[in-house]
PDB file of N, CA and C in Angstrom:
ATOM      1  N   UNK A   1      26.754  83.064  46.864  1.00  0.00           N
ATOM      2  CA  UNK A   1      28.165  83.265  46.629  1.00  0.00           C
ATOM      3  C   UNK A   1      28.479  84.753  46.485  1.00  0.00           C
ATOM      4  N   UNK A   2      27.621  85.479  45.814  1.00  0.00           N
ATOM      5  CA  UNK A   2      27.863  86.915  45.618  1.00  0.00           C
ATOM      6  C   UNK A   2      27.986  87.630  46.958  1.00  0.00           C
ATOM      7  N   UNK A   3      27.095  87.288  47.873  1.00  0.00           N
ATOM      8  CA  UNK A   3      27.096  87.912  49.191  1.00  0.00           C
ATOM      9  C   UNK A   3      28.366  87.538  49.957  1.00  0.00           C
ATOM     10  N   UNK A   4      28.775  86.266  49.873  1.00  0.00           N
ATOM     11  CA  UNK A   4      29.951  85.793  50.590  1.00  0.00           C
ATOM     12  C   UNK A   4      31.249  86.390  50.045  1.00  0.00           C
ATOM     13  N   UNK A   5      31.280  86.704  48.757  1.00  0.00           N
ATOM     14  CA  UNK A   5      32.473  87.303  48.166  1.00  0.00           C
ATOM     15  C   UNK A   5      32.806  88.642  48.823  1.00  0.00           C
ATOM     16  N   UNK A   6      31.804  89.362  49.304  1.00  0.00           N
ATOM     17  CA  UNK A   6      32.023  90.688  49.859  1.00  0.00           C
ATOM     18  C   UNK A   6      31.906  90.735  51.378  1.00  0.00           C
ATOM     19  N   UNK A   7      31.642  89.601  52.008  1.00  0.00           N
ATOM     20  CA  UNK A   7      31.557  89.520  53.468  1.00  0.00           C
ATOM     21  C   UNK A   7      32.979  89.456  54.030  1.00  0.00           C
ATOM     22  N   UNK A   8      33.479  90.582  54.570  1.00  0.00           N
ATOM     23  CA  UNK A   8      34.877  90.641  55.005  1.00  0.00           C
ATOM     24  C   UNK A   8      35.188  89.705  56.176  1.00  0.00           C
ATOM     25  N   UNK A   9      34.168  89.154  56.814  1.00  0.00           N
ATOM     26  CA  UNK A   9      34.381  88.212  57.917  1.00  0.00           C
ATOM     27  C   UNK A   9      34.209  86.759  57.463  1.00  0.00           C
ATOM     28  N   UNK A  10      33.930  86.546  56.194  1.00  0.00           N
ATOM     29  CA  UNK A  10      33.665  85.206  55.690  1.00  0.00           C
ATOM     30  C   UNK A  10      34.895  84.519  55.126  1.00  0.00           C
ATOM     31  N   UNK A  11      34.806  83.219  54.977  1.00  0.00           N
ATOM     32  CA  UNK A  11      35.911  82.406  54.478  1.00  0.00           C
ATOM     33  C   UNK A  11      36.241  82.714  53.022  1.00  0.00           C
ATOM     34  N   UNK A  12      35.228  82.909  52.186  1.00  0.00           N
ATOM     35  CA  UNK A  12      35.458  83.194  50.764  1.00  0.00           C
ATOM     36  C   UNK A  12      36.278  84.468  50.607  1.00  0.00           C
ATOM     37  N   UNK A  13      35.916  85.484  51.378  1.00  0.00           N
ATOM     38  CA  UNK A  13      36.664  86.747  51.323  1.00  0.00           C
ATOM     39  C   UNK A  13      38.088  86.556  51.823  1.00  0.00           C
ATOM     40  N   UNK A  14      38.231  85.814  52.901  1.00  0.00           N
ATOM     41  CA  UNK A  14      39.548  85.620  53.516  1.00  0.00           C
ATOM     42  C   UNK A  14      40.526  84.922  52.575  1.00  0.00           C
ATOM     43  N   UNK A  15      40.058  83.909  51.862  1.00  0.00           N
ATOM     44  CA  UNK A  15      40.976  83.137  51.030  1.00  0.00           C
ATOM     45  C   UNK A  15      41.005  83.568  49.572  1.00  0.00           C
ATOM     46  N   UNK A  16      40.044  84.402  49.131  1.00  0.00           N
ATOM     47  CA  UNK A  16      40.031  84.754  47.718  1.00  0.00           C
ATOM     48  C   UNK A  16      39.669  86.205  47.443  1.00  0.00           C
ATOM     49  N   UNK A  17      38.494  86.646  47.829  1.00  0.00           N
ATOM     50  CA  UNK A  17      37.968  87.947  47.409  1.00  0.00           C
ATOM     51  C   UNK A  17      38.858  89.124  47.789  1.00  0.00           C
ATOM     52  N   UNK A  18      39.549  89.048  48.904  1.00  0.00           N
ATOM     53  CA  UNK A  18      40.381  90.168  49.323  1.00  0.00           C
ATOM     54  C   UNK A  18      41.515  90.433  48.331  1.00  0.00           C
ATOM     55  N   UNK A  19      41.851  89.458  47.504  1.00  0.00           N
ATOM     56  CA  UNK A  19      42.930  89.613  46.536  1.00  0.00           C
ATOM     57  C   UNK A  19      42.443  90.070  45.158  1.00  0.00           C
ATOM     58  N   UNK A  20      41.140  90.175  44.984  1.00  0.00           N
ATOM     59  CA  UNK A  20      40.576  90.626  43.707  1.00  0.00           C
ATOM     60  C   UNK A  20      40.495  92.148  43.730  1.00  0.00           C
ATOM     61  N   UNK A  21      40.878  92.783  42.630  1.00  0.00           N
ATOM     62  CA  UNK A  21      40.742  94.235  42.547  1.00  0.00           C
ATOM     63  C   UNK A  21      39.275  94.602  42.761  1.00  0.00           C
ATOM     64  N   UNK A  22      38.983  95.601  43.614  1.00  0.00           N
ATOM     65  CA  UNK A  22      37.592  95.940  43.951  1.00  0.00           C
ATOM     66  C   UNK A  22      36.698  96.175  42.743  1.00  0.00           C
ATOM     67  N   UNK A  23      37.234  96.797  41.701  1.00  0.00           N
ATOM     68  CA  UNK A  23      36.407  97.060  40.517  1.00  0.00           C
ATOM     69  C   UNK A  23      36.076  95.792  39.727  1.00  0.00           C
ATOM     70  N   UNK A  24      36.781  94.694  40.004  1.00  0.00           N
ATOM     71  CA  UNK A  24      36.519  93.421  39.320  1.00  0.00           C
ATOM     72  C   UNK A  24      35.676  92.467  40.151  1.00  0.00           C
ATOM     73  N   UNK A  25      35.402  92.814  41.400  1.00  0.00           N
ATOM     74  CA  UNK A  25      34.664  91.920  42.279  1.00  0.00           C
ATOM     75  C   UNK A  25      33.197  91.904  41.887  1.00  0.00           C
ATOM     76  N   UNK A  26      32.807  90.851  41.213  1.00  0.00           N
ATOM     77  CA  UNK A  26      31.451  90.691  40.720  1.00  0.00           C
ATOM     78  C   UNK A  26      31.006  89.254  40.957  1.00  0.00           C
ATOM     79  N   UNK A  27      29.731  89.007  40.803  1.00  0.00           N
ATOM     80  CA  UNK A  27      29.222  87.646  40.961  1.00  0.00           C
ATOM     81  C   UNK A  27      29.829  86.727  39.903  1.00  0.00           C
ATOM     82  N   UNK A  28      29.995  85.471  40.283  1.00  0.00           N
ATOM     83  CA  UNK A  28      30.478  84.495  39.307  1.00  0.00           C
ATOM     84  C   UNK A  28      29.479  84.381  38.179  1.00  0.00           C
ATOM     85  N   UNK A  29      29.959  84.482  36.967  1.00  0.00           N
ATOM     86  CA  UNK A  29      29.097  84.378  35.797  1.00  0.00           C
ATOM     87  C   UNK A  29      29.957  83.974  34.609  1.00  0.00           C
ATOM     88  N   UNK A  30      29.325  83.476  33.596  1.00  0.00           N
ATOM     89  CA  UNK A  30      30.040  83.088  32.387  1.00  0.00           C
ATOM     90  C   UNK A  30      30.730  84.321  31.820  1.00  0.00           C
ATOM     91  N   UNK A  31      32.019  84.203  31.569  1.00  0.00           N
ATOM     92  CA  UNK A  31      32.779  85.301  30.999  1.00  0.00           C
ATOM     93  C   UNK A  31      33.297  86.312  32.011  1.00  0.00           C
ATOM     94  N   UNK A  32      33.012  86.111  33.298  1.00  0.00           N
ATOM     95  CA  UNK A  32      33.502  87.044  34.322  1.00  0.00           C
ATOM     96  C   UNK A  32      35.025  86.962  34.382  1.00  0.00           C
ATOM     97  N   UNK A  33      35.657  88.114  34.486  1.00  0.00           N
ATOM     98  CA  UNK A  33      37.116  88.174  34.546  1.00  0.00           C
ATOM     99  C   UNK A  33      37.509  88.815  35.871  1.00  0.00           C
ATOM    100  N   UNK A  34      38.428  88.174  36.573  1.00  0.00           N
ATOM    101  CA  UNK A  34      38.912  88.673  37.847  1.00  0.00           C
ATOM    102  C   UNK A  34      40.408  88.919  37.747  1.00  0.00           C
ATOM    103  N   UNK A  35      40.819  90.130  38.076  1.00  0.00           N
ATOM    104  CA  UNK A  35      42.247  90.427  38.179  1.00  0.00           C
ATOM    105  C   UNK A  35      42.596  90.358  39.656  1.00  0.00           C
ATOM    106  N   UNK A  36      43.691  89.663  39.963  1.00  0.00           N
ATOM    107  CA  UNK A  36      44.083  89.465  41.355  1.00  0.00           C
ATOM    108  C   UNK A  36      45.308  90.296  41.698  1.00  0.00           C
ATOM    109  N   UNK A  37      45.318  90.791  42.910  1.00  0.00           N
ATOM    110  CA  UNK A  37      46.526  91.405  43.457  1.00  0.00           C
ATOM    111  C   UNK A  37      47.510  90.260  43.676  1.00  0.00           C
ATOM    112  N   UNK A  38      48.805  90.532  43.586  1.00  0.00           N
ATOM    113  CA  UNK A  38      49.776  89.452  43.826  1.00  0.00           C
ATOM    114  C   UNK A  38      49.627  88.886  45.244  1.00  0.00           C
ATOM    115  N   UNK A  39      49.682  87.568  45.346  1.00  0.00           N
ATOM    116  CA  UNK A  39      49.637  86.911  46.645  1.00  0.00           C
ATOM    117  C   UNK A  39      50.383  85.594  46.557  1.00  0.00           C
ATOM    118  N   UNK A  40      50.769  85.091  47.698  1.00  0.00           N
ATOM    119  CA  UNK A  40      51.519  83.846  47.756  1.00  0.00           C
ATOM    120  C   UNK A  40      50.581  82.737  48.210  1.00  0.00           C
ATOM    121  N   UNK A  41      50.632  81.631  47.501  1.00  0.00           N
ATOM    122  CA  UNK A  41      49.839  80.469  47.858  1.00  0.00           C
ATOM    123  C   UNK A  41      50.770  79.278  47.937  1.00  0.00           C
ATOM    124  N   UNK A  42      50.867  78.695  49.097  1.00  0.00           N
ATOM    125  CA  UNK A  42      51.686  77.506  49.275  1.00  0.00           C
ATOM    126  C   UNK A  42      50.772  76.300  49.409  1.00  0.00           C
ATOM    127  N   UNK A  43      51.028  75.303  48.587  1.00  0.00           N
ATOM    128  CA  UNK A  43      50.237  74.080  48.626  1.00  0.00           C
ATOM    129  C   UNK A  43      51.199  72.918  48.813  1.00  0.00           C
ATOM    130  N   UNK A  44      50.880  72.072  49.750  1.00  0.00           N
ATOM    131  CA  UNK A  44      51.682  70.879  49.961  1.00  0.00           C
ATOM    132  C   UNK A  44      50.796  69.661  49.784  1.00  0.00           C
ATOM    133  N   UNK A  45      51.353  68.628  49.224  1.00  0.00           N
ATOM    134  CA  UNK A  45      50.580  67.415  49.034  1.00  0.00           C
ATOM    135  C   UNK A  45      51.491  66.264  48.664  1.00  0.00           C
ATOM    136  N   UNK A  46      50.903  65.126  48.559  1.00  0.00           N
ATOM    137  CA  UNK A  46      51.646  63.940  48.151  1.00  0.00           C
ATOM    138  C   UNK A  46      51.302  63.619  46.711  1.00  0.00           C
ATOM    139  N   UNK A  47      52.311  63.296  45.924  1.00  0.00           N
ATOM    140  CA  UNK A  47      52.101  62.947  44.524  1.00  0.00           C
ATOM    141  C   UNK A  47      52.475  61.481  44.308  1.00  0.00           C
ATOM    142  N   UNK A  48      51.647  60.794  43.583  1.00  0.00           N
ATOM    143  CA  UNK A  48      51.915  59.381  43.304  1.00  0.00           C
ATOM    144  C   UNK A  48      52.598  59.246  41.943  1.00  0.00           C
ATOM    145  N   UNK A  49      53.646  60.021  41.759  1.00  0.00           N
ATOM    146  CA  UNK A  49      54.436  59.933  40.527  1.00  0.00           C
ATOM    147  C   UNK A  49      55.873  59.656  40.923  1.00  0.00           C
ATOM    148  N   UNK A  50      56.558  58.903  40.123  1.00  0.00           N
ATOM    149  CA  UNK A  50      57.921  58.505  40.457  1.00  0.00           C
ATOM    150  C   UNK A  50      58.962  59.472  39.886  1.00  0.00           C
ATOM    151  N   UNK A  51      58.540  60.355  39.017  1.00  0.00           N
ATOM    152  CA  UNK A  51      59.484  61.207  38.308  1.00  0.00           C
ATOM    153  C   UNK A  51      59.237  62.674  38.647  1.00  0.00           C
ATOM    154  N   UNK A  52      60.322  63.386  38.942  1.00  0.00           N
ATOM    155  CA  UNK A  52      60.211  64.820  39.135  1.00  0.00           C
ATOM    156  C   UNK A  52      59.946  65.469  37.785  1.00  0.00           C
ATOM    157  N   UNK A  53      59.341  66.640  37.804  1.00  0.00           N
ATOM    158  CA  UNK A  53      59.114  67.339  36.546  1.00  0.00           C
ATOM    159  C   UNK A  53      57.895  68.229  36.597  1.00  0.00           C
ATOM    160  N   UNK A  54      57.474  68.643  35.444  1.00  0.00           N
ATOM    161  CA  UNK A  54      56.365  69.582  35.304  1.00  0.00           C
ATOM    162  C   UNK A  54      55.057  68.805  35.208  1.00  0.00           C
ATOM    163  N   UNK A  55      54.098  69.177  36.037  1.00  0.00           N
ATOM    164  CA  UNK A  55      52.773  68.570  36.037  1.00  0.00           C
ATOM    165  C   UNK A  55      51.733  69.660  36.170  1.00  0.00           C
ATOM    166  N   UNK A  56      50.493  69.296  36.095  1.00  0.00           N
ATOM    167  CA  UNK A  56      49.427  70.266  36.340  1.00  0.00           C
ATOM    168  C   UNK A  56      48.379  69.640  37.239  1.00  0.00           C
ATOM    169  N   UNK A  57      47.704  70.504  37.976  1.00  0.00           N
ATOM    170  CA  UNK A  57      46.587  70.093  38.817  1.00  0.00           C
ATOM    171  C   UNK A  57      45.359  70.785  38.256  1.00  0.00           C
ATOM    172  N   UNK A  58      44.298  70.039  38.098  1.00  0.00           N
ATOM    173  CA  UNK A  58      43.055  70.611  37.599  1.00  0.00           C
ATOM    174  C   UNK A  58      42.014  70.528  38.711  1.00  0.00           C
ATOM    175  N   UNK A  59      41.527  71.693  39.142  1.00  0.00           N
ATOM    176  CA  UNK A  59      40.467  71.776  40.142  1.00  0.00           C
ATOM    177  C   UNK A  59      39.154  71.999  39.401  1.00  0.00           C
ATOM    178  N   UNK A  60      38.165  71.206  39.704  1.00  0.00           N
ATOM    179  CA  UNK A  60      36.841  71.386  39.126  1.00  0.00           C
ATOM    180  C   UNK A  60      35.874  71.686  40.254  1.00  0.00           C
ATOM    181  N   UNK A  61      35.274  72.860  40.216  1.00  0.00           N
ATOM    182  CA  UNK A  61      34.319  73.277  41.234  1.00  0.00           C
ATOM    183  C   UNK A  61      32.932  73.251  40.631  1.00  0.00           C
ATOM    184  N   UNK A  62      31.999  72.697  41.327  1.00  0.00           N
ATOM    185  CA  UNK A  62      30.631  72.598  40.831  1.00  0.00           C
ATOM    186  C   UNK A  62      29.718  73.461  41.682  1.00  0.00           C
ATOM    187  N   UNK A  63      28.792  74.124  41.053  1.00  0.00           N
ATOM    188  CA  UNK A  63      27.858  75.015  41.742  1.00  0.00           C
ATOM    189  C   UNK A  63      26.622  74.228  42.164  1.00  0.00           C
ATOM    190  N   UNK A  64      26.165  74.454  43.411  1.00  0.00           N
ATOM    191  CA  UNK A  64      24.960  73.830  43.934  1.00  0.00           C
ATOM    192  C   UNK A  64      23.946  74.918  44.251  1.00  0.00           C
ATOM    193  N   UNK A  65      22.675  74.623  44.032  1.00  0.00           N
ATOM    194  CA  UNK A  65      21.634  75.604  44.351  1.00  0.00           C
ATOM    195  C   UNK A  65      21.269  75.516  45.831  1.00  0.00           C
ATOM    196  N   UNK A  66      20.268  76.311  46.247  1.00  0.00           N
ATOM    197  CA  UNK A  66      19.896  76.361  47.662  1.00  0.00           C
ATOM    198  C   UNK A  66      19.349  75.040  48.190  1.00  0.00           C
ATOM    199  N   UNK A  67      18.965  74.111  47.306  1.00  0.00           N
ATOM    200  CA  UNK A  67      18.471  72.793  47.716  1.00  0.00           C
ATOM    201  C   UNK A  67      19.567  71.733  47.678  1.00  0.00           C
ATOM    202  N   UNK A  68      20.817  72.199  47.543  1.00  0.00           N
ATOM    203  CA  UNK A  68      21.968  71.313  47.471  1.00  0.00           C
ATOM    204  C   UNK A  68      21.940  70.401  46.242  1.00  0.00           C
ATOM    205  N   UNK A  69      21.315  70.888  45.177  1.00  0.00           N
ATOM    206  CA  UNK A  69      21.251  70.162  43.917  1.00  0.00           C
ATOM    207  C   UNK A  69      22.297  70.754  42.969  1.00  0.00           C
ATOM    208  N   UNK A  70      23.140  69.910  42.358  1.00  0.00           N
ATOM    209  CA  UNK A  70      24.145  70.456  41.443  1.00  0.00           C
ATOM    210  C   UNK A  70      23.499  71.098  40.220  1.00  0.00           C
ATOM    211  N   UNK A  71      24.045  72.237  39.816  1.00  0.00           N
ATOM    212  CA  UNK A  71      23.569  72.898  38.600  1.00  0.00           C
ATOM    213  C   UNK A  71      24.516  72.545  37.471  1.00  0.00           C
ATOM    214  N   UNK A  72      24.261  73.061  36.292  1.00  0.00           N
ATOM    215  CA  UNK A  72      25.122  72.760  35.149  1.00  0.00           C
ATOM    216  C   UNK A  72      26.367  73.640  35.131  1.00  0.00           C
ATOM    217  N   UNK A  73      26.469  74.595  36.082  1.00  0.00           N
ATOM    218  CA  UNK A  73      27.614  75.493  36.099  1.00  0.00           C
ATOM    219  C   UNK A  73      28.810  74.814  36.761  1.00  0.00           C
ATOM    220  N   UNK A  74      29.932  74.798  36.056  1.00  0.00           N
ATOM    221  CA  UNK A  74      31.153  74.195  36.570  1.00  0.00           C
ATOM    222  C   UNK A  74      32.288  75.191  36.378  1.00  0.00           C
ATOM    223  N   UNK A  75      33.118  75.337  37.399  1.00  0.00           N
ATOM    224  CA  UNK A  75      34.273  76.224  37.336  1.00  0.00           C
ATOM    225  C   UNK A  75      35.503  75.336  37.300  1.00  0.00           C
ATOM    226  N   UNK A  76      36.378  75.570  36.348  1.00  0.00           N
ATOM    227  CA  UNK A  76      37.577  74.748  36.208  1.00  0.00           C
ATOM    228  C   UNK A  76      38.802  75.653  36.350  1.00  0.00           C
ATOM    229  N   UNK A  77      39.751  75.225  37.175  1.00  0.00           N
ATOM    230  CA  UNK A  77      40.983  75.968  37.390  1.00  0.00           C
ATOM    231  C   UNK A  77      42.139  75.017  37.168  1.00  0.00           C
ATOM    232  N   UNK A  78      43.013  75.368  36.247  1.00  0.00           N
ATOM    233  CA  UNK A  78      44.173  74.537  35.941  1.00  0.00           C
ATOM    234  C   UNK A  78      45.426  75.256  36.425  1.00  0.00           C
ATOM    235  N   UNK A  79      46.224  74.569  37.244  1.00  0.00           N
ATOM    236  CA  UNK A  79      47.419  75.170  37.814  1.00  0.00           C
ATOM    237  C   UNK A  79      48.641  74.322  37.478  1.00  0.00           C
ATOM    238  N   UNK A  80      49.577  74.856  36.697  1.00  0.00           N
ATOM    239  CA  UNK A  80      50.806  74.108  36.429  1.00  0.00           C
ATOM    240  C   UNK A  80      51.775  74.241  37.587  1.00  0.00           C
ATOM    241  N   UNK A  81      52.655  73.275  37.732  1.00  0.00           N
ATOM    242  CA  UNK A  81      53.645  73.337  38.795  1.00  0.00           C
ATOM    243  C   UNK A  81      54.720  72.287  38.590  1.00  0.00           C
ATOM    244  N   UNK A  82      55.748  72.378  39.395  1.00  0.00           N
ATOM    245  CA  UNK A  82      56.865  71.445  39.323  1.00  0.00           C
ATOM    246  C   UNK A  82      56.881  70.553  40.556  1.00  0.00           C
ATOM    247  N   UNK A  83      57.081  69.272  40.352  1.00  0.00           N
ATOM    248  CA  UNK A  83      57.209  68.331  41.463  1.00  0.00           C
ATOM    249  C   UNK A  83      58.681  68.081  41.673  1.00  0.00           C
ATOM    250  N   UNK A  84      59.127  68.319  42.908  1.00  0.00           N
ATOM    251  CA  UNK A  84      60.516  68.068  43.249  1.00  0.00           C
ATOM    252  C   UNK A  84      60.561  67.206  44.512  1.00  0.00           C
ATOM    253  N   UNK A  85      61.549  66.380  44.585  1.00  0.00           N
ATOM    254  CA  UNK A  85      61.706  65.516  45.756  1.00  0.00           C
ATOM    255  C   UNK A  85      62.393  66.312  46.859  1.00  0.00           C
ATOM    256  N   UNK A  86      61.792  66.301  48.049  1.00  0.00           N
ATOM    257  CA  UNK A  86      62.352  67.056  49.176  1.00  0.00           C
ATOM    258  C   UNK A  86      62.981  66.095  50.170  1.00  0.00           C
TER     259      UNK A  86
END
C-alpha cells in the first residue's frame, strides 16, 4: 500500500493520494493523520429508506497480507449525508 500511495500512475494515487498534502503522505499506520486538499466526491446510490433526512454511511476497509489473509488491521470511515428524493 505504501508503494501504491506514491505511484502517480496507480489507482490509489488517482482516487486518493493526490489529494493528500505531500508532507502528510505516509504509510497507513495506527494514529496516522492525513490532511486532504479540498476535492469534490460525488456518490450515487440507492437507499432502502422511506424517509428523507440525515443518515450516515460507514465504510469498513480490512487489510490483507501478501497471502490474501486478513490481518487484524481495520480502517473505518464514517460519512454523514442527506438523503433526498430526486
